[in-house]
């Protein structure tokens, strides 16, 4: 089954964030709680963790892209 992971809202006024770095590549196994990517908001970089176990099927944005809150960022293949 596929699960879309979305850009989280880290503060009430947050509208978007810059995807700074992918910490996993497509095809990598991911465990819930494991850092998946990093985003920058107001010059602060945050690691975003996977919410479920699975395999990173598709990265939907490239490093350096600005992503709106709640937009799908990645697709995980889950069991």
N, C-alpha and C. Protein backbone atom coordinates (compact mmCIF):
# COMPACT_ATOMS: atom_id res chain seq x y z
N UNK A 1 0.84 -1.17 0.00
CA UNK A 1 0.00 0.00 0.00
C UNK A 1 0.89 1.24 0.00
N UNK A 2 0.47 2.28 -0.70
CA UNK A 2 1.22 3.52 -0.74
C UNK A 2 0.73 4.50 0.33
N UNK A 3 1.68 5.22 0.91
CA UNK A 3 1.38 6.26 1.91
C UNK A 3 2.10 7.52 1.49
N UNK A 4 1.36 8.62 1.34
CA UNK A 4 1.97 9.90 1.01
C UNK A 4 2.38 10.60 2.30
N UNK A 5 3.62 11.07 2.33
CA UNK A 5 4.11 11.86 3.46
C UNK A 5 4.06 13.32 3.05
N UNK A 6 3.51 14.17 3.91
CA UNK A 6 3.32 15.57 3.55
C UNK A 6 4.25 16.49 4.34
N UNK A 7 4.41 17.71 3.80
CA UNK A 7 5.19 18.74 4.48
C UNK A 7 4.46 19.12 5.77
N UNK A 8 5.10 18.96 6.92
CA UNK A 8 4.42 19.27 8.19
C UNK A 8 4.36 20.78 8.44
N UNK A 9 3.41 21.18 9.24
CA UNK A 9 3.32 22.57 9.72
C UNK A 9 4.00 22.58 11.09
N UNK A 10 5.18 23.20 11.17
CA UNK A 10 5.95 23.20 12.41
C UNK A 10 5.59 24.36 13.34
N UNK A 11 4.98 25.39 12.76
CA UNK A 11 4.51 26.55 13.54
C UNK A 11 3.17 26.98 12.95
N UNK A 12 2.30 27.59 13.74
CA UNK A 12 0.98 27.99 13.22
C UNK A 12 1.04 28.89 11.99
N UNK A 13 2.03 29.77 11.93
CA UNK A 13 2.12 30.72 10.81
C UNK A 13 2.91 30.17 9.61
N UNK A 14 3.43 28.97 9.71
CA UNK A 14 4.22 28.39 8.63
C UNK A 14 3.35 28.10 7.40
N UNK A 15 3.80 28.58 6.23
CA UNK A 15 3.09 28.34 4.98
C UNK A 15 3.84 27.40 4.05
N UNK A 16 5.20 27.38 4.17
CA UNK A 16 6.02 26.50 3.34
C UNK A 16 7.39 26.33 3.98
N UNK A 17 8.18 25.45 3.41
CA UNK A 17 9.54 25.23 3.86
C UNK A 17 10.40 24.81 2.68
N UNK A 18 11.71 24.98 2.83
CA UNK A 18 12.65 24.58 1.78
C UNK A 18 13.17 23.19 2.12
N UNK A 19 13.02 22.27 1.18
CA UNK A 19 13.55 20.92 1.37
C UNK A 19 15.06 21.01 1.17
N UNK A 20 15.81 20.92 2.27
CA UNK A 20 17.27 21.11 2.22
C UNK A 20 18.01 19.86 1.78
N UNK A 21 17.60 18.72 2.29
CA UNK A 21 18.36 17.49 2.03
C UNK A 21 17.49 16.26 2.21
N UNK A 22 17.68 15.31 1.34
CA UNK A 22 17.10 13.98 1.53
C UNK A 22 18.10 13.16 2.31
N UNK A 23 17.66 12.49 3.36
CA UNK A 23 18.53 11.65 4.18
C UNK A 23 18.41 10.18 3.77
N UNK A 24 17.41 9.88 2.93
CA UNK A 24 17.21 8.54 2.37
C UNK A 24 17.02 8.69 0.87
N UNK A 25 17.42 7.69 0.12
CA UNK A 25 17.27 7.69 -1.33
C UNK A 25 16.11 6.76 -1.73
N UNK A 26 15.60 6.96 -2.94
CA UNK A 26 14.55 6.08 -3.44
C UNK A 26 15.03 4.64 -3.40
N UNK A 27 14.18 3.75 -2.90
CA UNK A 27 14.53 2.34 -2.77
C UNK A 27 15.04 1.96 -1.39
N UNK A 28 15.38 2.96 -0.56
CA UNK A 28 15.87 2.69 0.80
C UNK A 28 14.72 2.27 1.72
N UNK A 29 15.03 1.38 2.65
CA UNK A 29 14.08 1.00 3.70
C UNK A 29 14.07 2.08 4.76
N UNK A 30 12.87 2.42 5.22
CA UNK A 30 12.68 3.48 6.21
C UNK A 30 11.90 2.91 7.39
N UNK A 31 12.32 3.26 8.60
CA UNK A 31 11.63 2.85 9.82
C UNK A 31 10.95 4.07 10.43
N UNK A 32 9.74 3.89 10.95
CA UNK A 32 9.04 4.99 11.61
C UNK A 32 9.93 5.60 12.68
N UNK A 33 10.01 6.93 12.70
CA UNK A 33 10.85 7.63 13.66
C UNK A 33 12.24 7.93 13.14
N UNK A 34 12.58 7.38 11.99
CA UNK A 34 13.90 7.60 11.39
C UNK A 34 13.87 8.87 10.54
N UNK A 35 14.90 9.74 10.65
CA UNK A 35 14.92 10.95 9.83
C UNK A 35 14.89 10.61 8.33
N UNK A 36 14.02 11.31 7.60
CA UNK A 36 13.83 11.05 6.17
C UNK A 36 14.35 12.20 5.32
N UNK A 37 14.08 13.44 5.75
CA UNK A 37 14.55 14.61 5.02
C UNK A 37 14.67 15.80 5.98
N UNK A 38 15.32 16.87 5.50
CA UNK A 38 15.49 18.08 6.30
C UNK A 38 14.81 19.23 5.59
N UNK A 39 14.15 20.10 6.39
CA UNK A 39 13.56 21.31 5.84
C UNK A 39 14.07 22.51 6.61
N UNK A 40 14.10 23.66 5.91
CA UNK A 40 14.51 24.91 6.53
C UNK A 40 13.33 25.86 6.58
N UNK A 41 13.10 26.42 7.76
CA UNK A 41 12.08 27.46 7.95
C UNK A 41 12.70 28.54 8.81
N UNK A 42 12.63 29.77 8.38
CA UNK A 42 13.19 30.91 9.15
C UNK A 42 14.62 30.63 9.62
N UNK A 43 15.42 30.08 8.72
CA UNK A 43 16.84 29.82 8.97
C UNK A 43 17.11 28.74 10.02
N UNK A 44 16.08 27.96 10.36
CA UNK A 44 16.24 26.83 11.26
C UNK A 44 16.03 25.56 10.43
N UNK A 45 16.95 24.60 10.58
CA UNK A 45 16.83 23.34 9.84
C UNK A 45 16.28 22.27 10.78
N UNK A 46 15.23 21.58 10.33
CA UNK A 46 14.60 20.53 11.11
C UNK A 46 14.65 19.22 10.35
N UNK A 47 14.94 18.13 11.06
CA UNK A 47 14.86 16.81 10.45
C UNK A 47 13.41 16.33 10.60
N UNK A 48 12.86 15.81 9.51
CA UNK A 48 11.51 15.29 9.51
C UNK A 48 11.59 13.77 9.47
N UNK A 49 10.91 13.14 10.40
CA UNK A 49 10.97 11.68 10.54
C UNK A 49 9.85 11.00 9.77
N UNK A 50 10.12 9.78 9.35
CA UNK A 50 9.10 8.95 8.72
C UNK A 50 8.04 8.62 9.76
N UNK A 51 6.79 8.56 9.34
CA UNK A 51 5.70 8.27 10.26
C UNK A 51 5.31 6.79 10.26
N UNK A 52 5.78 6.06 9.26
CA UNK A 52 5.48 4.63 9.14
C UNK A 52 6.70 3.90 8.59
N UNK A 53 6.72 2.58 8.77
CA UNK A 53 7.77 1.75 8.17
C UNK A 53 7.45 1.53 6.69
N UNK A 54 8.49 1.41 5.88
CA UNK A 54 8.27 1.12 4.47
C UNK A 54 9.52 1.31 3.65
N UNK A 55 9.32 1.42 2.35
CA UNK A 55 10.40 1.66 1.40
C UNK A 55 10.10 2.98 0.70
N UNK A 56 11.11 3.86 0.62
CA UNK A 56 10.92 5.14 -0.05
C UNK A 56 10.77 4.88 -1.55
N UNK A 57 9.55 5.00 -2.01
CA UNK A 57 9.23 4.69 -3.41
C UNK A 57 9.55 5.88 -4.33
N UNK A 58 9.20 7.09 -3.89
CA UNK A 58 9.36 8.26 -4.76
C UNK A 58 9.56 9.52 -3.95
N UNK A 59 10.59 10.30 -4.32
CA UNK A 59 10.79 11.64 -3.79
C UNK A 59 10.07 12.59 -4.75
N UNK A 60 9.15 13.39 -4.25
CA UNK A 60 8.34 14.24 -5.11
C UNK A 60 8.92 15.64 -5.32
N UNK A 61 9.95 16.00 -4.56
CA UNK A 61 10.62 17.28 -4.71
C UNK A 61 12.12 17.07 -4.66
N UNK A 62 12.85 18.01 -5.25
CA UNK A 62 14.31 17.99 -5.23
C UNK A 62 14.82 18.85 -4.09
N UNK A 63 16.06 18.61 -3.69
CA UNK A 63 16.69 19.45 -2.68
C UNK A 63 16.72 20.89 -3.20
N UNK A 64 16.37 21.82 -2.32
CA UNK A 64 16.34 23.23 -2.69
C UNK A 64 14.96 23.74 -3.08
N UNK A 65 14.01 22.82 -3.30
CA UNK A 65 12.65 23.22 -3.67
C UNK A 65 11.90 23.77 -2.45
N UNK A 66 11.06 24.77 -2.69
CA UNK A 66 10.15 25.28 -1.67
C UNK A 66 8.85 24.48 -1.77
N UNK A 67 8.40 23.96 -0.62
CA UNK A 67 7.24 23.07 -0.59
C UNK A 67 6.18 23.66 0.34
N UNK A 68 4.94 23.74 -0.14
CA UNK A 68 3.84 24.24 0.68
C UNK A 68 3.48 23.23 1.77
N UNK A 69 3.03 23.76 2.91
CA UNK A 69 2.55 22.91 4.01
C UNK A 69 1.43 22.01 3.50
N UNK A 70 1.44 20.76 3.92
CA UNK A 70 0.46 19.73 3.56
C UNK A 70 0.63 19.17 2.15
N UNK A 71 1.58 19.67 1.37
CA UNK A 71 1.83 19.11 0.04
C UNK A 71 2.55 17.77 0.20
N UNK A 72 2.23 16.78 -0.62
CA UNK A 72 2.96 15.51 -0.57
C UNK A 72 4.43 15.72 -0.92
N UNK A 73 5.31 15.15 -0.11
CA UNK A 73 6.76 15.27 -0.30
C UNK A 73 7.35 13.96 -0.80
N UNK A 74 6.81 12.85 -0.32
CA UNK A 74 7.35 11.53 -0.68
C UNK A 74 6.24 10.49 -0.63
N UNK A 75 6.50 9.39 -1.33
CA UNK A 75 5.59 8.25 -1.29
C UNK A 75 6.36 7.05 -0.73
N UNK A 76 5.80 6.45 0.30
CA UNK A 76 6.37 5.24 0.89
C UNK A 76 5.51 4.05 0.49
N UNK A 77 6.16 2.94 0.21
CA UNK A 77 5.46 1.67 -0.01
C UNK A 77 5.45 0.97 1.35
N UNK A 78 4.27 0.77 1.91
CA UNK A 78 4.15 0.14 3.22
C UNK A 78 3.58 -1.27 3.08
N UNK A 79 3.66 -2.03 4.17
CA UNK A 79 3.16 -3.40 4.13
C UNK A 79 1.68 -3.44 4.39
